[in-house]
Amino acid sequence: MNKYEMMFIVKATMESDQVKATAENMKKVVSSCGGNVTEFKELGEKKLAYPIKKELNGYYFVMEIEATKETEAELSRKAGLDENVLRHLIVKLDEE
């Protein structure tokens, strides 16, 4: 399995329970595809550098996962389809 780090931004205009549900949904996608979330950080609400989909603020999350290439591709696809996720980025971490 490969190690990846995913950062994603969720709309801040939603209720706090919806924000948390969206973050939990991203974690569920990893586990349902056979991956493992090793670390999960909630960085909180921050002002965006520029408006994204007419949003000025976003809730930032970072998670480190151990997963196959197929799981990473599915996670990226699901994040792109989720209308509550403004942006996401998945980076493969170096082997140590």
N, C-alpha and C. Protein backbone atom coordinates (compact mmCIF):
# COMPACT_ATOMS: atom_id res chain seq x y z
N MET A 1 0.83 -1.19 0.00
CA MET A 1 0.00 0.00 0.00
C MET A 1 0.87 1.25 0.00
N ASN A 2 0.38 2.27 -0.63
CA ASN A 2 1.07 3.55 -0.71
C ASN A 2 0.53 4.49 0.36
N LYS A 3 1.34 5.48 0.72
CA LYS A 3 0.91 6.50 1.68
C LYS A 3 0.58 7.77 0.92
N TYR A 4 -0.57 8.35 1.23
CA TYR A 4 -1.03 9.57 0.59
C TYR A 4 -1.44 10.58 1.65
N GLU A 5 -1.40 11.86 1.27
CA GLU A 5 -1.95 12.92 2.11
C GLU A 5 -3.00 13.65 1.28
N MET A 6 -4.17 13.81 1.85
CA MET A 6 -5.25 14.50 1.16
C MET A 6 -5.65 15.74 1.96
N MET A 7 -5.71 16.88 1.28
CA MET A 7 -6.21 18.11 1.87
C MET A 7 -7.48 18.46 1.10
N PHE A 8 -8.53 18.76 1.84
CA PHE A 8 -9.75 19.19 1.16
C PHE A 8 -10.42 20.32 1.91
N ILE A 9 -11.15 21.15 1.15
CA ILE A 9 -11.83 22.32 1.70
C ILE A 9 -13.33 22.11 1.54
N VAL A 10 -14.06 22.26 2.63
CA VAL A 10 -15.51 22.10 2.65
C VAL A 10 -16.16 23.47 2.81
N LYS A 11 -17.32 23.66 2.20
CA LYS A 11 -18.06 24.92 2.32
C LYS A 11 -18.28 25.28 3.78
N ALA A 12 -18.01 26.53 4.14
CA ALA A 12 -18.18 26.98 5.53
C ALA A 12 -19.58 27.53 5.76
N THR A 13 -20.38 27.70 4.71
CA THR A 13 -21.71 28.26 4.87
C THR A 13 -22.73 27.21 5.32
N MET A 14 -22.30 25.96 5.46
CA MET A 14 -23.20 24.90 5.91
C MET A 14 -23.22 24.85 7.44
N GLU A 15 -24.17 24.09 7.98
CA GLU A 15 -24.21 23.85 9.42
C GLU A 15 -22.99 23.02 9.82
N SER A 16 -22.57 23.15 11.08
CA SER A 16 -21.35 22.46 11.52
C SER A 16 -21.49 20.94 11.45
N ASP A 17 -22.71 20.42 11.69
CA ASP A 17 -22.88 18.97 11.60
C ASP A 17 -22.79 18.48 10.16
N GLN A 18 -23.19 19.31 9.19
CA GLN A 18 -23.05 18.94 7.78
C GLN A 18 -21.58 18.95 7.36
N VAL A 19 -20.81 19.90 7.90
CA VAL A 19 -19.37 19.96 7.61
C VAL A 19 -18.70 18.69 8.12
N LYS A 20 -19.02 18.31 9.35
CA LYS A 20 -18.43 17.11 9.93
C LYS A 20 -18.88 15.85 9.19
N ALA A 21 -20.13 15.83 8.74
CA ALA A 21 -20.64 14.68 7.99
C ALA A 21 -19.91 14.53 6.66
N THR A 22 -19.61 15.65 6.01
CA THR A 22 -18.86 15.61 4.75
C THR A 22 -17.45 15.07 4.99
N ALA A 23 -16.80 15.50 6.07
CA ALA A 23 -15.46 15.00 6.40
C ALA A 23 -15.51 13.51 6.72
N GLU A 24 -16.51 13.09 7.47
CA GLU A 24 -16.66 11.66 7.80
C GLU A 24 -16.91 10.84 6.54
N ASN A 25 -17.64 11.41 5.59
CA ASN A 25 -17.92 10.73 4.33
C ASN A 25 -16.61 10.45 3.58
N MET A 26 -15.68 11.39 3.60
CA MET A 26 -14.39 11.18 2.94
C MET A 26 -13.62 10.04 3.62
N LYS A 27 -13.71 9.97 4.95
CA LYS A 27 -13.05 8.88 5.68
C LYS A 27 -13.69 7.54 5.35
N LYS A 28 -15.02 7.53 5.21
CA LYS A 28 -15.72 6.29 4.88
C LYS A 28 -15.37 5.77 3.50
N VAL A 29 -15.14 6.68 2.56
CA VAL A 29 -14.76 6.27 1.20
C VAL A 29 -13.44 5.49 1.26
N VAL A 30 -12.50 5.97 2.05
CA VAL A 30 -11.20 5.30 2.18
C VAL A 30 -11.38 3.90 2.77
N SER A 31 -12.11 3.81 3.87
CA SER A 31 -12.26 2.51 4.53
C SER A 31 -13.10 1.54 3.71
N SER A 32 -14.09 2.04 2.97
CA SER A 32 -14.93 1.14 2.18
C SER A 32 -14.17 0.54 0.99
N CYS A 33 -13.12 1.22 0.56
CA CYS A 33 -12.31 0.72 -0.57
C CYS A 33 -11.09 -0.06 -0.10
N GLY A 34 -10.99 -0.33 1.19
CA GLY A 34 -9.89 -1.13 1.70
C GLY A 34 -8.69 -0.34 2.17
N GLY A 35 -8.81 0.97 2.26
CA GLY A 35 -7.70 1.81 2.73
C GLY A 35 -7.77 2.02 4.24
N ASN A 36 -6.83 2.78 4.76
CA ASN A 36 -6.74 3.03 6.19
C ASN A 36 -6.38 4.49 6.42
N VAL A 37 -7.17 5.20 7.24
CA VAL A 37 -6.86 6.59 7.60
C VAL A 37 -5.93 6.54 8.81
N THR A 38 -4.68 7.01 8.63
CA THR A 38 -3.71 6.95 9.72
C THR A 38 -3.71 8.21 10.57
N GLU A 39 -4.07 9.35 9.97
CA GLU A 39 -4.10 10.61 10.71
C GLU A 39 -5.15 11.51 10.10
N PHE A 40 -5.88 12.23 10.95
CA PHE A 40 -6.93 13.12 10.48
C PHE A 40 -6.87 14.41 11.28
N LYS A 41 -6.75 15.54 10.59
CA LYS A 41 -6.66 16.84 11.27
C LYS A 41 -7.73 17.77 10.73
N GLU A 42 -8.39 18.45 11.64
CA GLU A 42 -9.33 19.50 11.27
C GLU A 42 -8.62 20.83 11.51
N LEU A 43 -8.35 21.58 10.45
CA LEU A 43 -7.61 22.83 10.58
C LEU A 43 -8.50 24.03 10.83
N GLY A 44 -9.81 23.84 10.71
CA GLY A 44 -10.74 24.91 11.01
C GLY A 44 -11.11 25.76 9.81
N GLU A 45 -11.86 26.81 10.11
CA GLU A 45 -12.35 27.71 9.06
C GLU A 45 -11.30 28.78 8.76
N LYS A 46 -11.07 28.99 7.46
CA LYS A 46 -10.11 30.00 7.03
C LYS A 46 -10.68 30.76 5.84
N LYS A 47 -10.18 31.98 5.67
CA LYS A 47 -10.58 32.78 4.51
C LYS A 47 -9.84 32.27 3.29
N LEU A 48 -10.56 32.10 2.20
CA LEU A 48 -9.95 31.64 0.96
C LEU A 48 -9.18 32.77 0.28
N ALA A 49 -8.16 32.45 -0.47
CA ALA A 49 -7.37 33.45 -1.17
C ALA A 49 -8.18 34.12 -2.27
N TYR A 50 -9.10 33.38 -2.85
CA TYR A 50 -9.99 33.90 -3.88
C TYR A 50 -11.30 33.13 -3.80
N PRO A 51 -12.41 33.71 -4.25
CA PRO A 51 -13.69 33.01 -4.16
C PRO A 51 -13.70 31.73 -4.99
N ILE A 52 -14.23 30.67 -4.41
CA ILE A 52 -14.41 29.39 -5.09
C ILE A 52 -15.89 29.06 -5.03
N LYS A 53 -16.53 28.95 -6.17
CA LYS A 53 -17.97 28.68 -6.25
C LYS A 53 -18.76 29.68 -5.38
N LYS A 54 -18.35 30.94 -5.43
CA LYS A 54 -18.97 32.05 -4.70
C LYS A 54 -18.82 31.94 -3.18
N GLU A 55 -17.91 31.09 -2.72
CA GLU A 55 -17.64 30.95 -1.29
C GLU A 55 -16.39 31.76 -0.95
N LEU A 56 -16.42 32.45 0.19
CA LEU A 56 -15.28 33.26 0.62
C LEU A 56 -14.48 32.58 1.73
N ASN A 57 -15.11 31.67 2.47
CA ASN A 57 -14.46 30.94 3.56
C ASN A 57 -14.62 29.45 3.32
N GLY A 58 -13.73 28.68 3.92
CA GLY A 58 -13.82 27.23 3.80
C GLY A 58 -13.27 26.55 5.05
N TYR A 59 -13.75 25.34 5.29
CA TYR A 59 -13.27 24.51 6.39
C TYR A 59 -12.21 23.57 5.84
N TYR A 60 -11.02 23.62 6.41
CA TYR A 60 -9.89 22.84 5.90
C TYR A 60 -9.72 21.55 6.71
N PHE A 61 -9.44 20.46 6.00
CA PHE A 61 -9.17 19.17 6.61
C PHE A 61 -7.95 18.55 5.93
N VAL A 62 -7.14 17.83 6.69
CA VAL A 62 -5.99 17.10 6.15
C VAL A 62 -6.04 15.69 6.72
N MET A 63 -5.88 14.69 5.84
CA MET A 63 -5.81 13.32 6.34
C MET A 63 -4.72 12.56 5.61
N GLU A 64 -4.04 11.72 6.37
CA GLU A 64 -3.04 10.82 5.80
C GLU A 64 -3.66 9.44 5.71
N ILE A 65 -3.46 8.80 4.57
CA ILE A 65 -4.08 7.49 4.36
C ILE A 65 -3.05 6.51 3.80
N GLU A 66 -3.32 5.24 4.04
CA GLU A 66 -2.59 4.15 3.41
C GLU A 66 -3.60 3.47 2.49
N ALA A 67 -3.30 3.45 1.21
CA ALA A 67 -4.28 2.94 0.26
C ALA A 67 -3.59 2.51 -1.03
N THR A 68 -4.34 1.79 -1.84
CA THR A 68 -3.86 1.41 -3.16
C THR A 68 -4.12 2.56 -4.13
N LYS A 69 -3.57 2.44 -5.31
CA LYS A 69 -3.77 3.45 -6.35
C LYS A 69 -5.25 3.55 -6.72
N GLU A 70 -5.95 2.42 -6.74
CA GLU A 70 -7.38 2.40 -7.09
C GLU A 70 -8.21 3.13 -6.03
N THR A 71 -7.86 2.95 -4.76
CA THR A 71 -8.56 3.64 -3.67
C THR A 71 -8.34 5.14 -3.77
N GLU A 72 -7.12 5.55 -4.08
CA GLU A 72 -6.80 6.98 -4.24
C GLU A 72 -7.60 7.58 -5.39
N ALA A 73 -7.71 6.83 -6.48
CA ALA A 73 -8.47 7.32 -7.63
C ALA A 73 -9.96 7.45 -7.29
N GLU A 74 -10.50 6.48 -6.56
CA GLU A 74 -11.91 6.53 -6.16
C GLU A 74 -12.16 7.69 -5.19
N LEU A 75 -11.24 7.91 -4.27
CA LEU A 75 -11.37 9.02 -3.32
C LEU A 75 -11.36 10.36 -4.05
N SER A 76 -10.48 10.50 -5.01
CA SER A 76 -10.42 11.73 -5.80
C SER A 76 -11.71 11.92 -6.60
N ARG A 77 -12.23 10.85 -7.15
CA ARG A 77 -13.47 10.92 -7.92
C ARG A 77 -14.65 11.34 -7.04
N LYS A 78 -14.76 10.72 -5.85
CA LYS A 78 -15.86 11.05 -4.93
C LYS A 78 -15.76 12.48 -4.43
N ALA A 79 -14.53 12.94 -4.16
CA ALA A 79 -14.35 14.33 -3.69
C ALA A 79 -14.74 15.31 -4.79
N GLY A 80 -14.45 14.97 -6.03
CA GLY A 80 -14.82 15.83 -7.15
C GLY A 80 -16.32 15.88 -7.38
N LEU A 81 -17.01 14.79 -7.07
CA LEU A 81 -18.46 14.74 -7.25
C LEU A 81 -19.24 15.40 -6.12
N ASP A 82 -18.63 15.44 -4.93
CA ASP A 82 -19.32 16.00 -3.76
C ASP A 82 -19.41 17.52 -3.89
N GLU A 83 -20.64 18.04 -3.94
CA GLU A 83 -20.83 19.48 -4.13
C GLU A 83 -20.42 20.30 -2.92
N ASN A 84 -20.26 19.67 -1.75
CA ASN A 84 -19.85 20.39 -0.54
C ASN A 84 -18.34 20.55 -0.45
N VAL A 85 -17.59 19.79 -1.24
CA VAL A 85 -16.12 19.90 -1.25
C VAL A 85 -15.74 20.91 -2.33
N LEU A 86 -15.14 22.01 -1.88
CA LEU A 86 -14.76 23.07 -2.82
C LEU A 86 -13.52 22.69 -3.63
N ARG A 87 -12.48 22.21 -2.94
CA ARG A 87 -11.24 21.80 -3.58
C ARG A 87 -10.66 20.62 -2.82
N HIS A 88 -9.88 19.80 -3.52
CA HIS A 88 -9.15 18.73 -2.86
C HIS A 88 -7.82 18.52 -3.58
N LEU A 89 -6.86 17.99 -2.85
CA LEU A 89 -5.55 17.69 -3.41
C LEU A 89 -5.03 16.44 -2.72
N ILE A 90 -4.59 15.47 -3.52
CA ILE A 90 -4.03 14.23 -2.98
C ILE A 90 -2.59 14.14 -3.46
N VAL A 91 -1.67 13.96 -2.49
CA VAL A 91 -0.26 13.89 -2.78
C VAL A 91 0.29 12.56 -2.25
N LYS A 92 1.08 11.88 -3.08
CA LYS A 92 1.70 10.63 -2.64
C LYS A 92 2.93 10.99 -1.79
N LEU A 93 3.03 10.42 -0.59
CA LEU A 93 4.13 10.70 0.31
C LEU A 93 5.31 9.79 -0.03
N ASP A 94 6.51 10.26 0.20
CA ASP A 94 7.72 9.47 -0.04
C ASP A 94 7.81 8.30 0.92
N GLU A 95 8.38 7.22 0.44
CA GLU A 95 8.64 6.07 1.31
C GLU A 95 9.83 6.40 2.20
N GLU A 96 9.72 6.04 3.46
CA GLU A 96 10.82 6.34 4.40
C GLU A 96 11.57 5.10 4.77
